[in-house]
Amino acid sequence: MSARRRLWRWALLVWAVLVVVAGGLTLWLQDSAEPPGPYGWEESRPTRRLPEGWETMCPTPSADSEGRRALVACAFISSR
């Protein structure tokens, strides 16, 4: 067997081993990155109500000359 053929076989063997090791590491690290189980329910905080008269606190969307209405977002911040 020639030296060149032997070198190609070693290179192929090293490449195959690297592929197997990299695949195993990928699967192992992928599993360890997931959150631990089992999953459970969490108590939620009670929802807060909108302040009284909130309709007058938010801007009213107006139509443009072509009759299209603008989108308006309204946010309320509570210090409680």
N, C-alpha and C. Protein backbone atom coordinates (compact mmCIF):
# COMPACT_ATOMS: atom_id res chain seq x y z
N MET A 1 0.85 -1.17 0.00
CA MET A 1 0.00 0.00 0.00
C MET A 1 0.90 1.23 0.00
N SER A 2 0.54 2.17 -0.81
CA SER A 2 1.38 3.35 -0.93
C SER A 2 1.16 4.29 0.26
N ALA A 3 2.14 5.16 0.46
CA ALA A 3 2.09 6.10 1.58
C ALA A 3 0.95 7.11 1.38
N ARG A 4 0.71 7.45 0.13
CA ARG A 4 -0.36 8.42 -0.15
C ARG A 4 -1.73 7.83 0.20
N ARG A 5 -1.95 6.58 -0.16
CA ARG A 5 -3.22 5.92 0.14
C ARG A 5 -3.40 5.79 1.66
N ARG A 6 -2.33 5.45 2.37
CA ARG A 6 -2.39 5.32 3.82
C ARG A 6 -2.72 6.67 4.47
N LEU A 7 -2.13 7.73 3.94
CA LEU A 7 -2.40 9.07 4.46
C LEU A 7 -3.87 9.45 4.26
N TRP A 8 -4.45 9.14 3.10
CA TRP A 8 -5.85 9.42 2.84
C TRP A 8 -6.76 8.64 3.77
N ARG A 9 -6.40 7.38 4.05
CA ARG A 9 -7.21 6.58 4.97
C ARG A 9 -7.17 7.16 6.37
N TRP A 10 -6.00 7.61 6.82
CA TRP A 10 -5.89 8.23 8.14
C TRP A 10 -6.68 9.54 8.20
N ALA A 11 -6.59 10.32 7.14
CA ALA A 11 -7.33 11.59 7.09
C ALA A 11 -8.84 11.32 7.13
N LEU A 12 -9.30 10.31 6.40
CA LEU A 12 -10.71 9.95 6.39
C LEU A 12 -11.15 9.44 7.77
N LEU A 13 -10.32 8.63 8.39
CA LEU A 13 -10.63 8.12 9.72
C LEU A 13 -10.71 9.25 10.75
N VAL A 14 -9.75 10.18 10.72
CA VAL A 14 -9.75 11.32 11.65
C VAL A 14 -10.98 12.19 11.41
N TRP A 15 -11.33 12.42 10.15
CA TRP A 15 -12.51 13.22 9.83
C TRP A 15 -13.78 12.55 10.35
N ALA A 16 -13.91 11.22 10.15
CA ALA A 16 -15.10 10.49 10.62
C ALA A 16 -15.21 10.55 12.14
N VAL A 17 -14.07 10.40 12.84
CA VAL A 17 -14.09 10.47 14.30
C VAL A 17 -14.52 11.87 14.75
N LEU A 18 -14.00 12.90 14.11
CA LEU A 18 -14.38 14.27 14.46
C LEU A 18 -15.87 14.53 14.23
N VAL A 19 -16.41 13.97 13.15
CA VAL A 19 -17.83 14.15 12.87
C VAL A 19 -18.67 13.47 13.94
N VAL A 20 -18.30 12.27 14.35
CA VAL A 20 -19.05 11.54 15.38
C VAL A 20 -18.96 12.28 16.72
N VAL A 21 -17.77 12.74 17.08
CA VAL A 21 -17.60 13.46 18.35
C VAL A 21 -18.38 14.77 18.33
N ALA A 22 -18.31 15.51 17.24
CA ALA A 22 -19.04 16.77 17.15
C ALA A 22 -20.55 16.54 17.22
N GLY A 23 -21.05 15.51 16.58
CA GLY A 23 -22.47 15.19 16.64
C GLY A 23 -22.90 14.82 18.06
N GLY A 24 -22.08 14.03 18.74
CA GLY A 24 -22.40 13.68 20.12
C GLY A 24 -22.38 14.88 21.03
N LEU A 25 -21.41 15.76 20.86
CA LEU A 25 -21.35 16.97 21.67
C LEU A 25 -22.56 17.87 21.40
N THR A 26 -22.96 17.95 20.15
CA THR A 26 -24.12 18.77 19.80
C THR A 26 -25.37 18.26 20.50
N LEU A 27 -25.60 16.95 20.45
CA LEU A 27 -26.78 16.39 21.12
C LEU A 27 -26.70 16.57 22.63
N TRP A 28 -25.54 16.38 23.20
CA TRP A 28 -25.36 16.48 24.65
C TRP A 28 -25.58 17.92 25.11
N LEU A 29 -24.99 18.88 24.40
CA LEU A 29 -25.14 20.27 24.79
C LEU A 29 -26.56 20.78 24.53
N GLN A 30 -27.20 20.27 23.49
CA GLN A 30 -28.56 20.68 23.19
C GLN A 30 -29.51 20.24 24.31
N ASP A 31 -29.35 19.04 24.82
CA ASP A 31 -30.19 18.56 25.91
C ASP A 31 -29.94 19.35 27.19
N SER A 32 -28.70 19.73 27.46
CA SER A 32 -28.40 20.43 28.70
C SER A 32 -28.85 21.88 28.65
N ALA A 33 -29.14 22.41 27.47
CA ALA A 33 -29.56 23.81 27.35
C ALA A 33 -31.05 23.98 27.61
N GLU A 34 -31.82 22.89 27.61
CA GLU A 34 -33.25 22.99 27.83
C GLU A 34 -33.54 23.19 29.31
N PRO A 35 -34.62 23.89 29.63
CA PRO A 35 -34.95 24.12 31.04
C PRO A 35 -35.33 22.81 31.74
N PRO A 36 -35.09 22.73 33.03
CA PRO A 36 -35.42 21.51 33.75
C PRO A 36 -36.93 21.31 33.87
N GLY A 37 -37.38 20.09 33.89
CA GLY A 37 -38.79 19.78 34.06
C GLY A 37 -39.01 19.22 35.44
N PRO A 38 -40.13 18.83 35.86
CA PRO A 38 -41.41 18.96 35.16
C PRO A 38 -41.96 20.37 35.30
N TYR A 39 -42.85 20.70 34.39
CA TYR A 39 -43.41 22.03 34.40
C TYR A 39 -44.62 22.08 35.32
N GLY A 40 -44.87 23.22 35.91
CA GLY A 40 -46.00 23.36 36.82
C GLY A 40 -46.68 24.70 36.62
N TRP A 41 -47.81 24.86 37.29
CA TRP A 41 -48.56 26.10 37.20
C TRP A 41 -48.01 27.10 38.19
N GLU A 42 -48.04 28.34 37.82
CA GLU A 42 -47.62 29.41 38.72
C GLU A 42 -48.83 30.25 39.08
N GLU A 43 -48.82 30.76 40.29
CA GLU A 43 -49.89 31.66 40.72
C GLU A 43 -49.73 32.98 39.97
N SER A 44 -50.81 33.47 39.41
CA SER A 44 -50.73 34.74 38.69
C SER A 44 -51.23 35.86 39.59
N ARG A 45 -50.72 37.04 39.32
CA ARG A 45 -51.19 38.20 40.06
C ARG A 45 -52.57 38.58 39.53
N PRO A 46 -53.41 39.14 40.38
CA PRO A 46 -54.73 39.55 39.88
C PRO A 46 -54.57 40.65 38.84
N THR A 47 -55.42 40.61 37.85
CA THR A 47 -55.35 41.62 36.79
C THR A 47 -55.86 42.96 37.34
N ARG A 48 -55.25 43.99 36.89
CA ARG A 48 -55.65 45.32 37.33
C ARG A 48 -56.71 45.87 36.38
N ARG A 49 -57.59 46.62 36.93
CA ARG A 49 -58.65 47.21 36.12
C ARG A 49 -58.17 48.53 35.52
N LEU A 50 -58.81 48.90 34.42
CA LEU A 50 -58.52 50.20 33.80
C LEU A 50 -59.08 51.30 34.69
N PRO A 51 -58.43 52.46 34.70
CA PRO A 51 -58.96 53.55 35.53
C PRO A 51 -60.33 54.03 35.02
N GLU A 52 -61.11 54.56 35.94
CA GLU A 52 -62.43 55.08 35.56
C GLU A 52 -62.25 56.22 34.56
N GLY A 53 -63.08 56.24 33.55
CA GLY A 53 -63.03 57.29 32.54
C GLY A 53 -61.85 57.18 31.59
N TRP A 54 -61.35 55.97 31.40
CA TRP A 54 -60.18 55.79 30.54
C TRP A 54 -60.46 56.17 29.10
N GLU A 55 -61.72 56.10 28.70
CA GLU A 55 -62.04 56.43 27.30
C GLU A 55 -61.70 57.88 26.98
N THR A 56 -61.83 58.77 27.96
CA THR A 56 -61.53 60.18 27.72
C THR A 56 -60.04 60.47 27.86
N MET A 57 -59.28 59.56 28.48
CA MET A 57 -57.83 59.76 28.63
C MET A 57 -57.05 59.40 27.37
N CYS A 58 -57.62 58.54 26.56
CA CYS A 58 -56.93 58.12 25.33
C CYS A 58 -57.33 59.01 24.16
N PRO A 59 -56.41 59.28 23.25
CA PRO A 59 -56.77 60.09 22.08
C PRO A 59 -57.75 59.34 21.18
N THR A 60 -58.64 60.08 20.58
CA THR A 60 -59.62 59.49 19.68
C THR A 60 -59.05 59.48 18.26
N PRO A 61 -59.06 58.33 17.61
CA PRO A 61 -58.54 58.31 16.24
C PRO A 61 -59.45 59.11 15.31
N SER A 62 -58.82 59.86 14.44
CA SER A 62 -59.59 60.66 13.48
C SER A 62 -59.31 60.17 12.08
N ALA A 63 -60.26 60.37 11.21
CA ALA A 63 -60.12 59.93 9.82
C ALA A 63 -59.39 60.99 9.00
N ASP A 64 -58.59 60.54 8.03
CA ASP A 64 -57.92 61.49 7.16
C ASP A 64 -58.85 61.87 6.01
N SER A 65 -58.34 62.57 5.02
CA SER A 65 -59.19 63.06 3.92
C SER A 65 -59.77 61.92 3.08
N GLU A 66 -59.13 60.75 3.11
CA GLU A 66 -59.64 59.61 2.33
C GLU A 66 -60.52 58.68 3.17
N GLY A 67 -60.76 59.05 4.41
CA GLY A 67 -61.65 58.25 5.25
C GLY A 67 -60.95 57.12 6.01
N ARG A 68 -59.62 57.07 5.94
CA ARG A 68 -58.89 56.03 6.67
C ARG A 68 -58.67 56.49 8.11
N ARG A 69 -58.83 55.59 9.04
CA ARG A 69 -58.64 55.92 10.45
C ARG A 69 -57.21 55.55 10.86
N ALA A 70 -56.66 56.36 11.73
CA ALA A 70 -55.31 56.11 12.23
C ALA A 70 -55.40 55.13 13.40
N LEU A 71 -54.33 54.36 13.60
CA LEU A 71 -54.26 53.46 14.75
C LEU A 71 -53.72 54.23 15.95
N VAL A 72 -54.32 54.00 17.11
CA VAL A 72 -53.92 54.71 18.32
C VAL A 72 -53.67 53.66 19.40
N ALA A 73 -52.56 53.80 20.12
CA ALA A 73 -52.28 52.94 21.25
C ALA A 73 -52.35 53.77 22.52
N CYS A 74 -52.89 53.19 23.57
CA CYS A 74 -53.04 53.91 24.83
C CYS A 74 -52.53 53.00 25.94
N ALA A 75 -51.62 53.51 26.80
CA ALA A 75 -51.05 52.71 27.88
C ALA A 75 -51.25 53.41 29.21
N PHE A 76 -51.47 52.61 30.25
CA PHE A 76 -51.62 53.13 31.60
C PHE A 76 -50.55 52.52 32.48
N ILE A 77 -49.90 53.33 33.29
CA ILE A 77 -48.85 52.85 34.18
C ILE A 77 -49.31 53.05 35.62
N SER A 78 -49.18 52.01 36.40
CA SER A 78 -49.60 52.08 37.79
C SER A 78 -48.37 52.00 38.68
N SER A 79 -48.33 52.78 39.76
CA SER A 79 -47.20 52.76 40.66
C SER A 79 -47.39 51.75 41.79
N ARG A 80 -48.47 51.02 41.77
CA ARG A 80 -48.72 50.02 42.81
C ARG A 80 -48.06 48.72 42.50
